[in-house]
Amino acid sequence: MAMARKETDHPDYHFIKVVMTNGTEYTTRSTYGKEGDTLNLDIDPNTHPAWTGGQQQLLDRGGRVSRFNSKFAGLGLGGKK
């Protein structure tokens, strides 16, 4: 017995404006928001270290990173020097 498909199985796919961190804008199709909405990016390929090749600082909250580094220092896994 086959199940009847609903008319709304797929989300609405429409045009939105995307604003990059440096202010540049482009129009693309998306399921975000509704037709004509604006998506302001906080992180994009212009600023994120994964794309820019920059160094990312690791926050050591409560000494967790320090404890990890000291616990596994003898394994020689190429930690920070």
N, C-alpha and C. Protein backbone atom coordinates (compact mmCIF):
# COMPACT_ATOMS: atom_id res chain seq x y z
N MET A 1 0.83 -1.17 0.00
CA MET A 1 0.00 0.00 0.00
C MET A 1 0.88 1.25 0.00
N ALA A 2 0.76 2.08 -0.98
CA ALA A 2 1.59 3.27 -1.12
C ALA A 2 1.00 4.43 -0.33
N MET A 3 1.89 5.19 0.29
CA MET A 3 1.46 6.37 1.06
C MET A 3 1.29 7.55 0.09
N ALA A 4 0.27 8.33 0.29
CA ALA A 4 0.06 9.52 -0.53
C ALA A 4 1.06 10.60 -0.10
N ARG A 5 1.69 11.24 -1.06
CA ARG A 5 2.65 12.30 -0.77
C ARG A 5 1.92 13.61 -0.52
N LYS A 6 2.42 14.34 0.47
CA LYS A 6 1.84 15.65 0.75
C LYS A 6 2.35 16.65 -0.28
N GLU A 7 1.57 17.67 -0.53
CA GLU A 7 1.97 18.73 -1.45
C GLU A 7 3.14 19.53 -0.89
N THR A 8 3.32 19.56 0.44
CA THR A 8 4.32 20.41 1.07
C THR A 8 5.55 19.63 1.54
N ASP A 9 5.92 18.57 0.85
CA ASP A 9 7.10 17.80 1.24
C ASP A 9 8.39 18.61 1.13
N HIS A 10 8.44 19.54 0.21
CA HIS A 10 9.66 20.30 -0.04
C HIS A 10 9.50 21.73 0.49
N PRO A 11 10.55 22.26 1.10
CA PRO A 11 10.46 23.64 1.61
C PRO A 11 10.41 24.64 0.45
N ASP A 12 9.92 25.82 0.74
CA ASP A 12 9.85 26.89 -0.25
C ASP A 12 11.27 27.33 -0.61
N TYR A 13 11.58 27.33 -1.89
CA TYR A 13 12.90 27.69 -2.40
C TYR A 13 12.76 29.00 -3.14
N HIS A 14 13.38 30.08 -2.64
CA HIS A 14 13.13 31.42 -3.16
C HIS A 14 14.42 32.24 -3.16
N PHE A 15 14.35 33.47 -3.69
CA PHE A 15 15.51 34.35 -3.75
C PHE A 15 15.63 35.17 -2.47
N ILE A 16 16.89 35.26 -1.94
CA ILE A 16 17.21 36.11 -0.79
C ILE A 16 18.47 36.89 -1.12
N LYS A 17 18.74 37.94 -0.33
CA LYS A 17 19.97 38.71 -0.46
C LYS A 17 20.90 38.31 0.67
N VAL A 18 22.16 38.02 0.35
CA VAL A 18 23.18 37.67 1.34
C VAL A 18 24.17 38.83 1.43
N VAL A 19 24.43 39.29 2.67
CA VAL A 19 25.38 40.38 2.90
C VAL A 19 26.59 39.81 3.63
N MET A 20 27.76 39.92 2.98
CA MET A 20 29.01 39.42 3.55
C MET A 20 29.49 40.38 4.65
N THR A 21 30.52 39.97 5.41
CA THR A 21 31.03 40.81 6.50
C THR A 21 31.65 42.11 6.01
N ASN A 22 32.14 42.14 4.78
CA ASN A 22 32.74 43.36 4.25
C ASN A 22 31.73 44.26 3.54
N GLY A 23 30.44 43.88 3.57
CA GLY A 23 29.39 44.71 2.99
C GLY A 23 28.98 44.32 1.58
N THR A 24 29.74 43.47 0.92
CA THR A 24 29.33 43.06 -0.42
C THR A 24 28.05 42.23 -0.33
N GLU A 25 27.23 42.33 -1.37
CA GLU A 25 25.95 41.65 -1.39
C GLU A 25 25.81 40.80 -2.65
N TYR A 26 25.06 39.74 -2.54
CA TYR A 26 24.69 38.97 -3.72
C TYR A 26 23.33 38.32 -3.49
N THR A 27 22.68 37.95 -4.56
CA THR A 27 21.38 37.31 -4.50
C THR A 27 21.54 35.84 -4.84
N THR A 28 20.88 35.00 -4.07
CA THR A 28 20.94 33.57 -4.30
C THR A 28 19.60 32.95 -3.94
N ARG A 29 19.43 31.71 -4.30
CA ARG A 29 18.21 31.00 -3.93
C ARG A 29 18.48 30.21 -2.66
N SER A 30 17.46 30.16 -1.77
CA SER A 30 17.64 29.52 -0.48
C SER A 30 16.29 29.12 0.11
N THR A 31 16.34 28.31 1.16
CA THR A 31 15.13 28.00 1.92
C THR A 31 15.07 28.87 3.18
N TYR A 32 16.07 29.75 3.37
CA TYR A 32 16.12 30.65 4.53
C TYR A 32 15.01 31.70 4.42
N GLY A 33 14.30 31.94 5.51
CA GLY A 33 13.32 33.03 5.58
C GLY A 33 12.25 32.94 4.51
N LYS A 34 11.93 34.11 3.95
CA LYS A 34 10.93 34.18 2.89
C LYS A 34 11.49 35.01 1.73
N GLU A 35 10.80 35.01 0.62
CA GLU A 35 11.23 35.74 -0.58
C GLU A 35 11.62 37.18 -0.22
N GLY A 36 12.83 37.59 -0.65
CA GLY A 36 13.28 38.96 -0.44
C GLY A 36 13.96 39.23 0.89
N ASP A 37 14.03 38.26 1.80
CA ASP A 37 14.71 38.46 3.08
C ASP A 37 16.21 38.68 2.88
N THR A 38 16.87 39.25 3.89
CA THR A 38 18.30 39.49 3.87
C THR A 38 18.97 38.64 4.95
N LEU A 39 20.04 37.94 4.56
CA LEU A 39 20.84 37.14 5.49
C LEU A 39 22.17 37.85 5.67
N ASN A 40 22.41 38.39 6.89
CA ASN A 40 23.67 39.06 7.21
C ASN A 40 24.60 38.05 7.85
N LEU A 41 25.74 37.80 7.20
CA LEU A 41 26.68 36.80 7.70
C LEU A 41 27.60 37.39 8.76
N ASP A 42 27.83 36.63 9.84
CA ASP A 42 28.80 37.01 10.87
C ASP A 42 30.17 36.45 10.54
N ILE A 43 30.19 35.30 9.86
CA ILE A 43 31.43 34.64 9.46
C ILE A 43 31.28 34.26 7.99
N ASP A 44 32.29 34.55 7.20
CA ASP A 44 32.26 34.18 5.79
C ASP A 44 33.69 33.93 5.30
N PRO A 45 33.85 33.50 4.06
CA PRO A 45 35.20 33.19 3.55
C PRO A 45 36.18 34.36 3.58
N ASN A 46 35.69 35.59 3.73
CA ASN A 46 36.60 36.75 3.81
C ASN A 46 37.25 36.89 5.17
N THR A 47 36.64 36.31 6.22
CA THR A 47 37.14 36.55 7.57
C THR A 47 37.50 35.30 8.36
N HIS A 48 36.96 34.15 8.03
CA HIS A 48 37.16 32.96 8.84
C HIS A 48 38.54 32.35 8.60
N PRO A 49 39.26 31.96 9.67
CA PRO A 49 40.61 31.40 9.53
C PRO A 49 40.66 30.14 8.65
N ALA A 50 39.58 29.39 8.56
CA ALA A 50 39.59 28.19 7.73
C ALA A 50 39.80 28.53 6.27
N TRP A 51 39.35 29.71 5.83
CA TRP A 51 39.52 30.12 4.44
C TRP A 51 40.67 31.08 4.25
N THR A 52 40.99 31.89 5.28
CA THR A 52 42.02 32.90 5.12
C THR A 52 43.41 32.39 5.45
N GLY A 53 43.51 31.23 6.12
CA GLY A 53 44.80 30.67 6.48
C GLY A 53 45.38 31.30 7.73
N GLY A 54 44.58 32.09 8.44
CA GLY A 54 45.04 32.75 9.66
C GLY A 54 45.12 31.79 10.83
N GLN A 55 45.77 32.23 11.87
CA GLN A 55 45.88 31.43 13.08
C GLN A 55 44.64 31.62 13.94
N GLN A 56 44.16 30.54 14.51
CA GLN A 56 43.02 30.61 15.39
C GLN A 56 43.49 30.33 16.81
N GLN A 57 43.09 31.17 17.75
CA GLN A 57 43.50 31.00 19.14
C GLN A 57 42.53 30.07 19.84
N LEU A 58 43.06 29.13 20.62
CA LEU A 58 42.25 28.19 21.36
C LEU A 58 42.11 28.69 22.79
N LEU A 59 40.88 28.90 23.23
CA LEU A 59 40.62 29.36 24.60
C LEU A 59 40.77 28.19 25.55
N ASP A 60 41.53 28.41 26.61
CA ASP A 60 41.75 27.37 27.61
C ASP A 60 40.90 27.68 28.83
N ARG A 61 39.67 27.20 28.82
CA ARG A 61 38.75 27.44 29.94
C ARG A 61 38.94 26.36 30.98
N GLY A 62 39.32 26.77 32.18
CA GLY A 62 39.49 25.84 33.27
C GLY A 62 40.72 24.96 33.15
N GLY A 63 41.69 25.33 32.33
CA GLY A 63 42.92 24.57 32.20
C GLY A 63 42.77 23.25 31.47
N ARG A 64 41.70 23.05 30.75
CA ARG A 64 41.46 21.76 30.07
C ARG A 64 42.52 21.47 29.01
N VAL A 65 42.85 22.50 28.23
CA VAL A 65 43.86 22.30 27.18
C VAL A 65 45.22 22.00 27.81
N SER A 66 45.56 22.72 28.88
CA SER A 66 46.83 22.49 29.56
C SER A 66 46.90 21.07 30.12
N ARG A 67 45.80 20.62 30.75
CA ARG A 67 45.78 19.26 31.29
C ARG A 67 45.90 18.23 30.18
N PHE A 68 45.22 18.45 29.06
CA PHE A 68 45.31 17.53 27.94
C PHE A 68 46.74 17.47 27.41
N ASN A 69 47.34 18.65 27.20
CA ASN A 69 48.70 18.69 26.67
C ASN A 69 49.69 18.01 27.59
N SER A 70 49.56 18.21 28.91
CA SER A 70 50.50 17.58 29.83
C SER A 70 50.25 16.06 29.92
N LYS A 71 49.01 15.65 29.84
CA LYS A 71 48.68 14.22 29.93
C LYS A 71 49.22 13.44 28.73
N PHE A 72 49.13 14.05 27.54
CA PHE A 72 49.53 13.34 26.32
C PHE A 72 50.83 13.87 25.71
N ALA A 73 51.62 14.59 26.47
CA ALA A 73 52.86 15.19 25.96
C ALA A 73 53.85 14.13 25.49
N GLY A 74 53.90 12.97 26.15
CA GLY A 74 54.88 11.95 25.82
C GLY A 74 54.57 11.16 24.55
N LEU A 75 53.40 11.38 23.95
CA LEU A 75 53.04 10.60 22.76
C LEU A 75 53.70 11.13 21.48
N GLY A 76 54.22 12.34 21.53
CA GLY A 76 54.90 12.89 20.35
C GLY A 76 53.98 13.12 19.18
N LEU A 77 52.82 13.66 19.44
CA LEU A 77 51.84 13.88 18.37
C LEU A 77 52.00 15.25 17.72
N GLY A 78 53.10 15.91 17.96
CA GLY A 78 53.35 17.20 17.29
C GLY A 78 52.54 18.33 17.86
N GLY A 79 52.44 18.43 19.18
CA GLY A 79 51.71 19.52 19.82
C GLY A 79 52.38 20.86 19.57
N LYS A 80 51.85 21.90 20.20
CA LYS A 80 52.42 23.24 20.03
C LYS A 80 53.83 23.29 20.61
N LYS A 81 54.69 24.04 19.98
CA LYS A 81 56.06 24.20 20.44
C LYS A 81 56.30 25.57 20.95
